């Protein structure tokens, strides 16, 4: 059983790498430029170029991916564009509500499964 668990944990590495690559590709396949979400449409070209350089969007996609991957693996999720706060703080503030919702959904699903899965046998 321990060998099975270790093998499954070993499979986690390529699956997580593949998912991160797929998510990164989907973000870059979406129409529009991420910089356009930060700056107004009438921003000077110098400002846009400076932001592209700051965020690394002036580099090739493989370089962007490995930069993003290394920064993310260190725990730095960046800064929220909407609030200006660190994304890790935003996620942490929602984590408690997520746990409460997950526990409530599990209890509801378990209760419903027991009710619907129980067969009533008439006593003869």
N, C-alpha and C. Protein backbone atom coordinates (compact mmCIF):
# COMPACT_ATOMS: atom_id res chain seq x y z
N UNK A 1 0.83 -1.19 0.00
CA UNK A 1 0.00 0.00 0.00
C UNK A 1 0.87 1.25 0.00
N UNK A 2 1.98 1.22 0.76
CA UNK A 2 2.88 2.36 0.81
C UNK A 2 3.52 2.61 -0.56
N UNK A 3 3.87 1.53 -1.25
CA UNK A 3 4.45 1.66 -2.58
C UNK A 3 3.45 2.29 -3.55
N UNK A 4 2.20 1.90 -3.44
CA UNK A 4 1.15 2.48 -4.29
C UNK A 4 1.02 3.98 -4.03
N UNK A 5 1.02 4.37 -2.76
CA UNK A 5 0.90 5.79 -2.41
C UNK A 5 2.10 6.58 -2.92
N UNK A 6 3.29 6.03 -2.78
CA UNK A 6 4.48 6.71 -3.28
C UNK A 6 4.46 6.85 -4.81
N UNK A 7 3.98 5.82 -5.49
CA UNK A 7 3.88 5.88 -6.95
C UNK A 7 2.89 6.96 -7.38
N UNK A 8 1.77 7.04 -6.67
CA UNK A 8 0.77 8.07 -6.99
C UNK A 8 1.33 9.47 -6.75
N UNK A 9 2.11 9.63 -5.67
CA UNK A 9 2.74 10.92 -5.40
C UNK A 9 3.77 11.26 -6.47
N UNK A 10 4.45 10.24 -6.99
CA UNK A 10 5.42 10.46 -8.06
C UNK A 10 4.72 10.90 -9.34
N UNK A 11 3.53 10.37 -9.60
CA UNK A 11 2.76 10.78 -10.78
C UNK A 11 2.27 12.21 -10.67
N UNK A 12 2.23 12.73 -9.45
CA UNK A 12 1.76 14.09 -9.23
C UNK A 12 2.64 15.12 -9.93
N UNK A 13 3.94 14.88 -9.99
CA UNK A 13 4.87 15.85 -10.55
C UNK A 13 4.59 16.11 -12.04
N UNK A 14 4.55 15.10 -12.91
CA UNK A 14 4.29 15.41 -14.32
C UNK A 14 2.87 15.92 -14.57
N UNK A 15 1.92 15.46 -13.78
CA UNK A 15 0.54 15.94 -13.95
C UNK A 15 0.45 17.42 -13.57
N UNK A 16 1.06 17.80 -12.46
CA UNK A 16 1.05 19.21 -12.04
C UNK A 16 1.79 20.08 -13.05
N UNK A 17 2.90 19.58 -13.58
CA UNK A 17 3.64 20.32 -14.61
C UNK A 17 2.78 20.50 -15.86
N UNK A 18 2.11 19.43 -16.28
CA UNK A 18 1.24 19.51 -17.46
C UNK A 18 0.08 20.47 -17.27
N UNK A 19 -0.53 20.44 -16.10
CA UNK A 19 -1.65 21.34 -15.82
C UNK A 19 -1.17 22.79 -15.81
N UNK A 20 -0.01 23.04 -15.19
CA UNK A 20 0.50 24.41 -15.16
C UNK A 20 0.83 24.90 -16.57
N UNK A 21 1.37 24.02 -17.40
CA UNK A 21 1.66 24.39 -18.79
C UNK A 21 0.38 24.67 -19.56
N UNK A 22 -0.63 23.85 -19.35
CA UNK A 22 -1.91 24.06 -20.03
C UNK A 22 -2.58 25.36 -19.59
N UNK A 23 -2.58 25.64 -18.31
CA UNK A 23 -3.18 26.88 -17.81
C UNK A 23 -2.43 28.08 -18.34
N UNK A 24 -1.11 28.02 -18.34
CA UNK A 24 -0.32 29.13 -18.86
C UNK A 24 -0.62 29.35 -20.34
N UNK A 25 -0.72 28.27 -21.10
CA UNK A 25 -1.02 28.39 -22.53
C UNK A 25 -2.41 28.98 -22.75
N UNK A 26 -3.39 28.55 -21.97
CA UNK A 26 -4.75 29.07 -22.13
C UNK A 26 -4.83 30.56 -21.80
N UNK A 27 -4.08 30.97 -20.80
CA UNK A 27 -4.07 32.40 -20.45
C UNK A 27 -3.49 33.22 -21.60
N UNK A 28 -2.46 32.70 -22.24
CA UNK A 28 -1.85 33.44 -23.34
C UNK A 28 -2.59 33.28 -24.67
N UNK A 29 -3.46 32.29 -24.77
CA UNK A 29 -4.27 32.14 -25.98
C UNK A 29 -5.51 33.02 -25.95
N UNK A 30 -5.87 33.48 -24.77
CA UNK A 30 -7.05 34.33 -24.64
C UNK A 30 -6.81 35.64 -25.40
N UNK A 31 -7.87 36.17 -26.00
CA UNK A 31 -7.69 37.42 -26.74
C UNK A 31 -7.35 38.58 -25.80
N UNK A 32 -6.58 39.49 -26.31
CA UNK A 32 -6.19 40.65 -25.52
C UNK A 32 -4.83 40.46 -24.88
N UNK A 33 -4.34 41.53 -24.34
CA UNK A 33 -3.04 41.56 -23.71
C UNK A 33 -3.23 41.77 -22.21
N UNK A 34 -2.51 41.04 -21.35
CA UNK A 34 -2.68 41.26 -19.92
C UNK A 34 -2.38 42.69 -19.48
N UNK A 35 -1.51 43.36 -20.19
CA UNK A 35 -1.18 44.74 -19.85
C UNK A 35 -2.37 45.66 -20.07
N UNK A 36 -3.22 45.33 -21.04
CA UNK A 36 -4.39 46.19 -21.32
C UNK A 36 -5.37 46.19 -20.14
N UNK A 37 -5.30 45.21 -19.27
CA UNK A 37 -6.16 45.20 -18.08
C UNK A 37 -5.63 46.14 -17.01
N UNK A 38 -4.36 46.50 -17.11
CA UNK A 38 -3.74 47.34 -16.09
C UNK A 38 -3.79 48.82 -16.48
N UNK A 39 -3.48 49.10 -17.73
CA UNK A 39 -3.37 50.51 -18.16
C UNK A 39 -4.62 50.93 -18.92
N UNK A 40 -4.94 52.21 -18.90
CA UNK A 40 -6.07 52.69 -19.69
C UNK A 40 -5.73 52.65 -21.18
N UNK A 41 -6.75 52.67 -22.05
CA UNK A 41 -6.49 52.56 -23.49
C UNK A 41 -5.68 53.72 -24.05
N UNK A 42 -5.73 54.87 -23.42
CA UNK A 42 -5.00 56.03 -23.95
C UNK A 42 -3.62 56.21 -23.32
N UNK A 43 -3.09 55.14 -22.71
CA UNK A 43 -1.77 55.22 -22.07
C UNK A 43 -0.68 55.38 -23.13
N UNK A 44 0.36 56.14 -22.81
CA UNK A 44 1.47 56.30 -23.76
C UNK A 44 2.19 54.97 -24.00
N UNK A 45 2.75 54.85 -25.19
CA UNK A 45 3.44 53.62 -25.57
C UNK A 45 4.63 53.34 -24.65
N UNK A 46 5.29 54.38 -24.16
CA UNK A 46 6.43 54.20 -23.27
C UNK A 46 6.00 53.50 -21.97
N UNK A 47 4.84 53.90 -21.46
CA UNK A 47 4.33 53.29 -20.22
C UNK A 47 4.01 51.82 -20.46
N UNK A 48 3.35 51.53 -21.58
CA UNK A 48 3.00 50.14 -21.91
C UNK A 48 4.27 49.30 -22.08
N UNK A 49 5.26 49.85 -22.78
CA UNK A 49 6.52 49.11 -22.97
C UNK A 49 7.23 48.88 -21.64
N UNK A 50 7.20 49.87 -20.76
CA UNK A 50 7.85 49.74 -19.46
C UNK A 50 7.16 48.65 -18.62
N UNK A 51 5.82 48.62 -18.67
CA UNK A 51 5.08 47.58 -17.94
C UNK A 51 5.34 46.20 -18.53
N UNK A 52 5.40 46.10 -19.86
CA UNK A 52 5.70 44.81 -20.48
C UNK A 52 7.08 44.31 -20.05
N UNK A 53 8.03 45.23 -19.95
CA UNK A 53 9.36 44.85 -19.50
C UNK A 53 9.34 44.45 -18.03
N UNK A 54 8.61 45.19 -17.20
CA UNK A 54 8.54 44.91 -15.77
C UNK A 54 7.93 43.54 -15.51
N UNK A 55 6.83 43.21 -16.21
CA UNK A 55 6.15 41.93 -16.01
C UNK A 55 6.76 40.80 -16.84
N UNK A 56 7.70 41.10 -17.71
CA UNK A 56 8.37 40.07 -18.49
C UNK A 56 7.64 39.67 -19.76
N UNK A 57 6.66 40.46 -20.19
CA UNK A 57 5.92 40.12 -21.40
C UNK A 57 6.69 40.44 -22.67
N UNK A 58 7.86 41.05 -22.55
CA UNK A 58 8.68 41.33 -23.72
C UNK A 58 9.59 40.15 -24.06
N UNK A 59 9.57 39.11 -23.24
CA UNK A 59 10.42 37.94 -23.46
C UNK A 59 9.62 36.84 -24.17
N UNK A 60 10.30 35.85 -24.76
CA UNK A 60 9.59 34.74 -25.41
C UNK A 60 8.75 33.94 -24.41
N UNK A 61 7.74 33.24 -24.92
CA UNK A 61 6.82 32.49 -24.06
C UNK A 61 7.50 31.45 -23.17
N UNK A 62 8.46 30.67 -23.67
CA UNK A 62 9.12 29.70 -22.75
C UNK A 62 9.83 30.39 -21.58
N UNK A 63 10.45 31.54 -21.83
CA UNK A 63 11.11 32.27 -20.76
C UNK A 63 10.07 32.81 -19.78
N UNK A 64 8.96 33.30 -20.29
CA UNK A 64 7.88 33.78 -19.44
C UNK A 64 7.34 32.65 -18.56
N UNK A 65 7.17 31.47 -19.17
CA UNK A 65 6.62 30.34 -18.42
C UNK A 65 7.55 29.94 -17.28
N UNK A 66 8.84 29.77 -17.55
CA UNK A 66 9.75 29.33 -16.51
C UNK A 66 9.95 30.41 -15.44
N UNK A 67 9.87 31.68 -15.83
CA UNK A 67 9.92 32.76 -14.84
C UNK A 67 8.68 32.69 -13.94
N UNK A 68 7.53 32.52 -14.56
CA UNK A 68 6.27 32.42 -13.81
C UNK A 68 6.29 31.20 -12.90
N UNK A 69 6.77 30.07 -13.40
CA UNK A 69 6.80 28.83 -12.63
C UNK A 69 7.73 28.96 -11.42
N UNK A 70 8.91 29.51 -11.60
CA UNK A 70 9.83 29.64 -10.47
C UNK A 70 9.30 30.62 -9.43
N UNK A 71 8.70 31.71 -9.86
CA UNK A 71 8.15 32.68 -8.91
C UNK A 71 6.97 32.06 -8.16
N UNK A 72 6.12 31.33 -8.86
CA UNK A 72 4.96 30.71 -8.24
C UNK A 72 5.38 29.62 -7.25
N UNK A 73 6.37 28.83 -7.60
CA UNK A 73 6.83 27.75 -6.72
C UNK A 73 7.47 28.29 -5.44
N UNK A 74 7.94 29.52 -5.47
CA UNK A 74 8.50 30.11 -4.24
C UNK A 74 7.40 30.66 -3.34
N UNK A 75 6.15 30.65 -3.82
CA UNK A 75 5.04 31.12 -3.00
C UNK A 75 4.59 32.53 -3.30
N UNK A 76 5.26 33.20 -4.21
CA UNK A 76 4.89 34.57 -4.58
C UNK A 76 3.83 34.49 -5.68
N UNK A 77 2.58 34.76 -5.33
CA UNK A 77 1.50 34.70 -6.31
C UNK A 77 1.24 36.04 -6.96
N UNK A 78 2.01 37.05 -6.62
CA UNK A 78 1.87 38.35 -7.25
C UNK A 78 0.93 39.27 -6.49
N UNK A 79 0.55 40.34 -7.17
CA UNK A 79 -0.32 41.37 -6.59
C UNK A 79 -1.61 41.43 -7.39
N UNK A 80 -2.72 41.53 -6.70
CA UNK A 80 -4.02 41.62 -7.35
C UNK A 80 -4.15 42.95 -8.08
N UNK A 81 -4.60 42.88 -9.31
CA UNK A 81 -4.81 44.11 -10.09
C UNK A 81 -5.99 44.88 -9.52
N UNK A 82 -7.01 44.17 -9.06
CA UNK A 82 -8.21 44.82 -8.56
C UNK A 82 -8.04 45.52 -7.23
N UNK A 83 -7.36 44.86 -6.27
CA UNK A 83 -7.25 45.43 -4.93
C UNK A 83 -5.88 45.99 -4.60
N UNK A 84 -4.86 45.56 -5.33
CA UNK A 84 -3.50 46.01 -5.04
C UNK A 84 -2.86 45.26 -3.88
N UNK A 85 -3.56 44.29 -3.31
CA UNK A 85 -3.02 43.48 -2.22
C UNK A 85 -2.38 42.22 -2.78
N UNK A 86 -1.51 41.57 -2.00
CA UNK A 86 -0.93 40.30 -2.47
C UNK A 86 -2.02 39.24 -2.71
N UNK A 87 -1.86 38.47 -3.78
CA UNK A 87 -2.86 37.45 -4.12
C UNK A 87 -2.93 36.38 -3.03
N UNK A 88 -1.80 36.07 -2.41
CA UNK A 88 -1.79 35.07 -1.33
C UNK A 88 -2.71 35.51 -0.19
N UNK A 89 -2.74 36.80 0.11
CA UNK A 89 -3.63 37.32 1.14
C UNK A 89 -5.09 37.19 0.72
N UNK A 90 -5.36 37.48 -0.55
CA UNK A 90 -6.73 37.36 -1.08
C UNK A 90 -7.22 35.92 -0.99
N UNK A 91 -6.35 34.98 -1.37
CA UNK A 91 -6.72 33.56 -1.34
C UNK A 91 -6.91 33.10 0.11
N UNK A 92 -6.02 33.52 0.99
CA UNK A 92 -6.11 33.11 2.40
C UNK A 92 -7.39 33.61 3.05
N UNK A 93 -7.83 34.81 2.68
CA UNK A 93 -9.06 35.34 3.27
C UNK A 93 -10.29 34.55 2.83
N UNK A 94 -10.23 33.95 1.66
CA UNK A 94 -11.37 33.16 1.17
C UNK A 94 -11.28 31.69 1.57
N UNK A 95 -10.15 31.27 2.10
CA UNK A 95 -9.93 29.85 2.40
C UNK A 95 -10.89 29.35 3.47
N UNK A 96 -11.14 30.12 4.51
CA UNK A 96 -12.04 29.70 5.59
C UNK A 96 -13.45 29.45 5.07
N UNK A 97 -13.96 30.36 4.25
CA UNK A 97 -15.29 30.17 3.69
C UNK A 97 -15.34 28.96 2.75
N UNK A 98 -14.25 28.72 2.04
CA UNK A 98 -14.19 27.56 1.15
C UNK A 98 -14.28 26.26 1.95
N UNK A 99 -13.58 26.19 3.07
CA UNK A 99 -13.62 24.99 3.92
C UNK A 99 -15.02 24.78 4.47
N UNK A 100 -15.66 25.85 4.95
CA UNK A 100 -17.02 25.75 5.48
C UNK A 100 -17.97 25.24 4.40
N UNK A 101 -17.86 25.80 3.20
CA UNK A 101 -18.72 25.38 2.09
C UNK A 101 -18.46 23.92 1.71
N UNK A 102 -17.20 23.50 1.69
CA UNK A 102 -16.87 22.12 1.34
C UNK A 102 -17.41 21.14 2.38
N UNK A 103 -17.29 21.48 3.65
CA UNK A 103 -17.81 20.60 4.71
C UNK A 103 -19.33 20.51 4.63
N UNK A 104 -20.00 21.65 4.41
CA UNK A 104 -21.45 21.65 4.30
C UNK A 104 -21.91 20.83 3.09
N UNK A 105 -21.24 20.97 1.97
CA UNK A 105 -21.59 20.21 0.77
C UNK A 105 -21.37 18.72 0.97
N UNK A 106 -20.29 18.36 1.66
CA UNK A 106 -20.01 16.94 1.92
C UNK A 106 -21.07 16.34 2.83
N UNK A 107 -21.42 17.05 3.89
CA UNK A 107 -22.46 16.55 4.80
C UNK A 107 -23.80 16.41 4.09
N UNK A 108 -24.14 17.39 3.25
CA UNK A 108 -25.39 17.33 2.50
C UNK A 108 -25.38 16.14 1.54
N UNK A 109 -24.28 15.98 0.80
CA UNK A 109 -24.20 14.88 -0.16
C UNK A 109 -24.23 13.53 0.54
N UNK A 110 -23.54 13.40 1.68
CA UNK A 110 -23.54 12.15 2.42
C UNK A 110 -24.93 11.84 2.96
N UNK A 111 -25.60 12.84 3.50
CA UNK A 111 -26.96 12.63 4.03
C UNK A 111 -27.91 12.23 2.92
N UNK A 112 -27.83 12.91 1.79
CA UNK A 112 -28.69 12.58 0.66
C UNK A 112 -28.40 11.18 0.12
N UNK A 113 -27.13 10.81 0.08
CA UNK A 113 -26.76 9.48 -0.40
C UNK A 113 -27.28 8.39 0.53
N UNK A 114 -27.22 8.63 1.83
CA UNK A 114 -27.73 7.64 2.78
C UNK A 114 -29.24 7.51 2.64
N UNK A 115 -29.94 8.62 2.51
CA UNK A 115 -31.40 8.58 2.38
C UNK A 115 -31.81 7.91 1.08
N UNK A 116 -31.19 8.29 -0.01
CA UNK A 116 -31.58 7.73 -1.31
C UNK A 116 -31.04 6.32 -1.53
N UNK A 117 -29.98 5.97 -0.84
CA UNK A 117 -29.37 4.66 -1.04
C UNK A 117 -29.87 3.59 -0.11
N UNK A 118 -30.70 3.99 0.84
CA UNK A 118 -31.23 3.01 1.79
C UNK A 118 -32.52 2.42 1.22
N UNK A 119 -32.54 1.13 1.16
CA UNK A 119 -33.72 0.45 0.65
C UNK A 119 -34.59 0.03 1.82
N UNK A 120 -35.83 0.42 1.75
CA UNK A 120 -36.77 0.09 2.80
C UNK A 120 -37.35 -1.29 2.47
N UNK A 121 -37.10 -2.25 3.36
CA UNK A 121 -37.60 -3.62 3.16
C UNK A 121 -38.81 -3.80 4.07
N UNK A 122 -39.94 -4.16 3.49
CA UNK A 122 -41.11 -4.37 4.34
C UNK A 122 -40.93 -5.60 5.25
N UNK A 123 -41.38 -5.48 6.44
CA UNK A 123 -41.30 -6.58 7.41
C UNK A 123 -42.50 -7.48 7.17
N UNK A 124 -42.21 -8.75 7.01
CA UNK A 124 -43.30 -9.70 6.73
C UNK A 124 -43.66 -10.46 7.95
